[in-house]
Amino acid sequence: MVQIEKAWFGESTCSDSSTSLSSNSLGIDSFWGLFVMAVIAAVLALIIFLTKFIHEHWHIIRRSNLSLRERSRILARKNL
């Protein structure tokens, strides 16, 4: 088994524990770009959803003879 490990992974060399190591750990600051992209994707998805929703239900939204409460009640029943 040791021969297979040496063949595949080579000799393992551990650094001397007495030498000082610099920390290259990841923190929140390392992922700011990822957070920005996630926020952009979420906002874009919300805009697309609202646009499609308004387009599909425009005939209910534009009814001038209904109050806002009645319109929202109709929209809530349609989406259940």
N, C-alpha and C. Protein backbone atom coordinates (compact mmCIF):
# COMPACT_ATOMS: atom_id res chain seq x y z
N MET A 1 0.83 -1.19 0.00
CA MET A 1 0.00 0.00 0.00
C MET A 1 0.87 1.25 0.00
N VAL A 2 1.94 1.20 0.73
CA VAL A 2 2.84 2.36 0.79
C VAL A 2 3.46 2.61 -0.57
N GLN A 3 3.77 1.56 -1.31
CA GLN A 3 4.36 1.74 -2.64
C GLN A 3 3.36 2.40 -3.59
N ILE A 4 2.10 2.02 -3.48
CA ILE A 4 1.07 2.64 -4.32
C ILE A 4 0.93 4.11 -3.98
N GLU A 5 0.92 4.44 -2.68
CA GLU A 5 0.82 5.85 -2.27
C GLU A 5 2.00 6.64 -2.79
N LYS A 6 3.21 6.09 -2.72
CA LYS A 6 4.39 6.80 -3.22
C LYS A 6 4.32 6.98 -4.73
N ALA A 7 3.79 5.96 -5.42
CA ALA A 7 3.69 6.06 -6.88
C ALA A 7 2.69 7.12 -7.30
N TRP A 8 1.57 7.19 -6.61
CA TRP A 8 0.52 8.13 -6.98
C TRP A 8 0.76 9.53 -6.43
N PHE A 9 1.16 9.61 -5.19
CA PHE A 9 1.26 10.91 -4.53
C PHE A 9 2.68 11.39 -4.32
N GLY A 10 3.66 10.55 -4.52
CA GLY A 10 5.04 10.93 -4.32
C GLY A 10 5.37 11.00 -2.85
N GLU A 11 6.56 11.44 -2.58
CA GLU A 11 7.01 11.58 -1.20
C GLU A 11 6.35 12.81 -0.57
N SER A 12 5.81 12.62 0.60
CA SER A 12 5.19 13.77 1.28
C SER A 12 6.27 14.52 2.03
N THR A 13 6.31 15.81 1.81
CA THR A 13 7.27 16.64 2.51
C THR A 13 6.50 17.64 3.35
N CYS A 14 6.68 17.54 4.62
CA CYS A 14 6.03 18.48 5.53
C CYS A 14 6.99 19.61 5.83
N SER A 15 6.44 20.81 5.90
CA SER A 15 7.30 21.93 6.22
C SER A 15 7.68 21.88 7.69
N ASP A 16 8.78 22.47 7.99
CA ASP A 16 9.26 22.51 9.36
C ASP A 16 8.30 23.34 10.20
N SER A 17 7.86 22.78 11.32
CA SER A 17 6.88 23.48 12.14
C SER A 17 7.47 24.69 12.86
N SER A 18 8.80 24.81 12.88
CA SER A 18 9.42 25.94 13.58
C SER A 18 9.43 27.20 12.72
N THR A 19 9.26 27.04 11.41
CA THR A 19 9.27 28.23 10.55
C THR A 19 7.91 28.90 10.61
N SER A 20 7.90 30.20 10.46
CA SER A 20 6.63 30.93 10.51
C SER A 20 5.92 30.79 9.17
N LEU A 21 4.63 30.51 9.24
CA LEU A 21 3.83 30.34 8.04
C LEU A 21 2.92 31.55 7.86
N SER A 22 2.79 31.94 6.62
CA SER A 22 1.85 33.03 6.36
C SER A 22 0.47 32.42 6.14
N SER A 23 -0.54 33.09 6.66
CA SER A 23 -1.89 32.57 6.57
C SER A 23 -2.54 33.03 5.27
N ASN A 24 -2.94 32.09 4.46
CA ASN A 24 -3.65 32.39 3.23
C ASN A 24 -5.09 31.92 3.34
N SER A 25 -5.64 32.01 4.52
CA SER A 25 -7.00 31.52 4.73
C SER A 25 -8.01 32.44 4.05
N LEU A 26 -9.14 31.86 3.73
CA LEU A 26 -10.20 32.61 3.08
C LEU A 26 -11.12 33.23 4.12
N GLY A 27 -11.53 34.43 3.86
CA GLY A 27 -12.46 35.12 4.75
C GLY A 27 -13.60 35.71 3.95
N ILE A 28 -14.41 36.48 4.62
CA ILE A 28 -15.55 37.13 3.96
C ILE A 28 -15.05 38.04 2.83
N ASP A 29 -13.94 38.70 3.05
CA ASP A 29 -13.41 39.61 2.04
C ASP A 29 -13.04 38.89 0.75
N SER A 30 -12.75 37.60 0.85
CA SER A 30 -12.36 36.83 -0.34
C SER A 30 -13.54 36.56 -1.26
N PHE A 31 -14.76 36.66 -0.74
CA PHE A 31 -15.93 36.28 -1.51
C PHE A 31 -16.83 37.46 -1.87
N TRP A 32 -16.35 38.68 -1.81
CA TRP A 32 -17.20 39.83 -2.09
C TRP A 32 -17.73 39.79 -3.52
N GLY A 33 -16.93 39.34 -4.46
CA GLY A 33 -17.38 39.24 -5.84
C GLY A 33 -18.52 38.25 -6.01
N LEU A 34 -18.41 37.14 -5.29
CA LEU A 34 -19.46 36.13 -5.34
C LEU A 34 -20.77 36.67 -4.75
N PHE A 35 -20.67 37.41 -3.65
CA PHE A 35 -21.85 38.02 -3.06
C PHE A 35 -22.50 39.03 -4.00
N VAL A 36 -21.69 39.82 -4.68
CA VAL A 36 -22.21 40.81 -5.62
C VAL A 36 -22.95 40.11 -6.76
N MET A 37 -22.36 39.04 -7.28
CA MET A 37 -23.01 38.31 -8.37
C MET A 37 -24.31 37.67 -7.90
N ALA A 38 -24.35 37.16 -6.67
CA ALA A 38 -25.57 36.55 -6.13
C ALA A 38 -26.67 37.60 -5.97
N VAL A 39 -26.32 38.78 -5.51
CA VAL A 39 -27.30 39.86 -5.35
C VAL A 39 -27.83 40.31 -6.71
N ILE A 40 -26.94 40.44 -7.67
CA ILE A 40 -27.36 40.84 -9.02
C ILE A 40 -28.31 39.79 -9.61
N ALA A 41 -27.99 38.52 -9.44
CA ALA A 41 -28.85 37.45 -9.96
C ALA A 41 -30.21 37.45 -9.27
N ALA A 42 -30.23 37.68 -7.95
CA ALA A 42 -31.50 37.70 -7.22
C ALA A 42 -32.37 38.89 -7.65
N VAL A 43 -31.77 40.05 -7.79
CA VAL A 43 -32.53 41.24 -8.21
C VAL A 43 -33.04 41.06 -9.64
N LEU A 44 -32.22 40.51 -10.50
CA LEU A 44 -32.64 40.27 -11.88
C LEU A 44 -33.80 39.27 -11.92
N ALA A 45 -33.73 38.22 -11.12
CA ALA A 45 -34.83 37.24 -11.07
C ALA A 45 -36.11 37.89 -10.56
N LEU A 46 -36.00 38.75 -9.56
CA LEU A 46 -37.18 39.44 -9.04
C LEU A 46 -37.79 40.37 -10.09
N ILE A 47 -36.97 41.09 -10.82
CA ILE A 47 -37.46 41.98 -11.86
C ILE A 47 -38.17 41.19 -12.96
N ILE A 48 -37.57 40.06 -13.36
CA ILE A 48 -38.20 39.23 -14.39
C ILE A 48 -39.53 38.69 -13.90
N PHE A 49 -39.58 38.21 -12.65
CA PHE A 49 -40.83 37.69 -12.10
C PHE A 49 -41.91 38.77 -12.06
N LEU A 50 -41.58 39.94 -11.55
CA LEU A 50 -42.57 41.01 -11.45
C LEU A 50 -43.05 41.45 -12.82
N THR A 51 -42.15 41.51 -13.78
CA THR A 51 -42.54 41.89 -15.14
C THR A 51 -43.51 40.89 -15.73
N LYS A 52 -43.20 39.60 -15.59
CA LYS A 52 -44.10 38.57 -16.11
C LYS A 52 -45.44 38.58 -15.38
N PHE A 53 -45.41 38.77 -14.07
CA PHE A 53 -46.64 38.78 -13.28
C PHE A 53 -47.54 39.93 -13.69
N ILE A 54 -46.97 41.12 -13.82
CA ILE A 54 -47.76 42.29 -14.21
C ILE A 54 -48.30 42.11 -15.63
N HIS A 55 -47.49 41.57 -16.51
CA HIS A 55 -47.93 41.37 -17.90
C HIS A 55 -49.10 40.37 -17.96
N GLU A 56 -49.03 39.29 -17.19
CA GLU A 56 -50.09 38.28 -17.21
C GLU A 56 -51.37 38.75 -16.53
N HIS A 57 -51.26 39.64 -15.56
CA HIS A 57 -52.43 40.07 -14.78
C HIS A 57 -52.79 41.54 -15.00
N TRP A 58 -52.35 42.09 -16.11
CA TRP A 58 -52.59 43.50 -16.38
C TRP A 58 -54.08 43.83 -16.44
N HIS A 59 -54.89 42.91 -16.96
CA HIS A 59 -56.32 43.18 -17.08
C HIS A 59 -56.99 43.31 -15.70
N ILE A 60 -56.46 42.65 -14.70
CA ILE A 60 -57.00 42.78 -13.34
C ILE A 60 -56.47 44.04 -12.67
N ILE A 61 -55.21 44.31 -12.89
CA ILE A 61 -54.58 45.48 -12.25
C ILE A 61 -55.20 46.78 -12.76
N ARG A 62 -55.55 46.83 -14.05
CA ARG A 62 -56.06 48.06 -14.65
C ARG A 62 -57.55 48.29 -14.44
N ARG A 63 -58.26 47.37 -13.84
CA ARG A 63 -59.70 47.58 -13.61
C ARG A 63 -59.90 48.76 -12.68
N SER A 64 -60.51 49.79 -13.19
CA SER A 64 -60.65 51.00 -12.38
C SER A 64 -61.85 50.94 -11.45
N ASN A 65 -62.78 50.05 -11.70
CA ASN A 65 -63.96 49.99 -10.85
C ASN A 65 -63.74 49.17 -9.57
N LEU A 66 -62.59 48.52 -9.43
CA LEU A 66 -62.29 47.72 -8.24
C LEU A 66 -61.34 48.47 -7.32
N SER A 67 -61.54 48.27 -6.03
CA SER A 67 -60.61 48.87 -5.08
C SER A 67 -59.31 48.06 -5.05
N LEU A 68 -58.29 48.62 -4.46
CA LEU A 68 -57.01 47.93 -4.35
C LEU A 68 -57.14 46.62 -3.58
N ARG A 69 -57.98 46.65 -2.55
CA ARG A 69 -58.20 45.45 -1.74
C ARG A 69 -58.86 44.35 -2.57
N GLU A 70 -59.85 44.70 -3.37
CA GLU A 70 -60.53 43.71 -4.22
C GLU A 70 -59.59 43.15 -5.28
N ARG A 71 -58.77 44.02 -5.87
CA ARG A 71 -57.80 43.57 -6.88
C ARG A 71 -56.80 42.59 -6.28
N SER A 72 -56.29 42.93 -5.10
CA SER A 72 -55.30 42.03 -4.47
C SER A 72 -55.94 40.71 -4.07
N ARG A 73 -57.20 40.74 -3.68
CA ARG A 73 -57.91 39.51 -3.33
C ARG A 73 -58.07 38.62 -4.56
N ILE A 74 -58.43 39.21 -5.70
CA ILE A 74 -58.56 38.46 -6.95
C ILE A 74 -57.21 37.86 -7.36
N LEU A 75 -56.16 38.65 -7.28
CA LEU A 75 -54.83 38.17 -7.66
C LEU A 75 -54.37 37.05 -6.73
N ALA A 76 -54.67 37.16 -5.46
CA ALA A 76 -54.27 36.12 -4.50
C ALA A 76 -55.00 34.82 -4.80
N ARG A 77 -56.27 34.89 -5.15
CA ARG A 77 -57.05 33.67 -5.45
C ARG A 77 -56.56 33.03 -6.75
N LYS A 78 -56.18 33.83 -7.73
CA LYS A 78 -55.72 33.28 -9.01
C LYS A 78 -54.39 32.55 -8.88
N ASN A 79 -53.54 32.97 -7.97
CA ASN A 79 -52.21 32.40 -7.87
C ASN A 79 -52.13 31.24 -6.89
N LEU A 80 -53.22 30.88 -6.25
CA LEU A 80 -53.21 29.73 -5.35
C LEU A 80 -53.43 28.51 -6.14
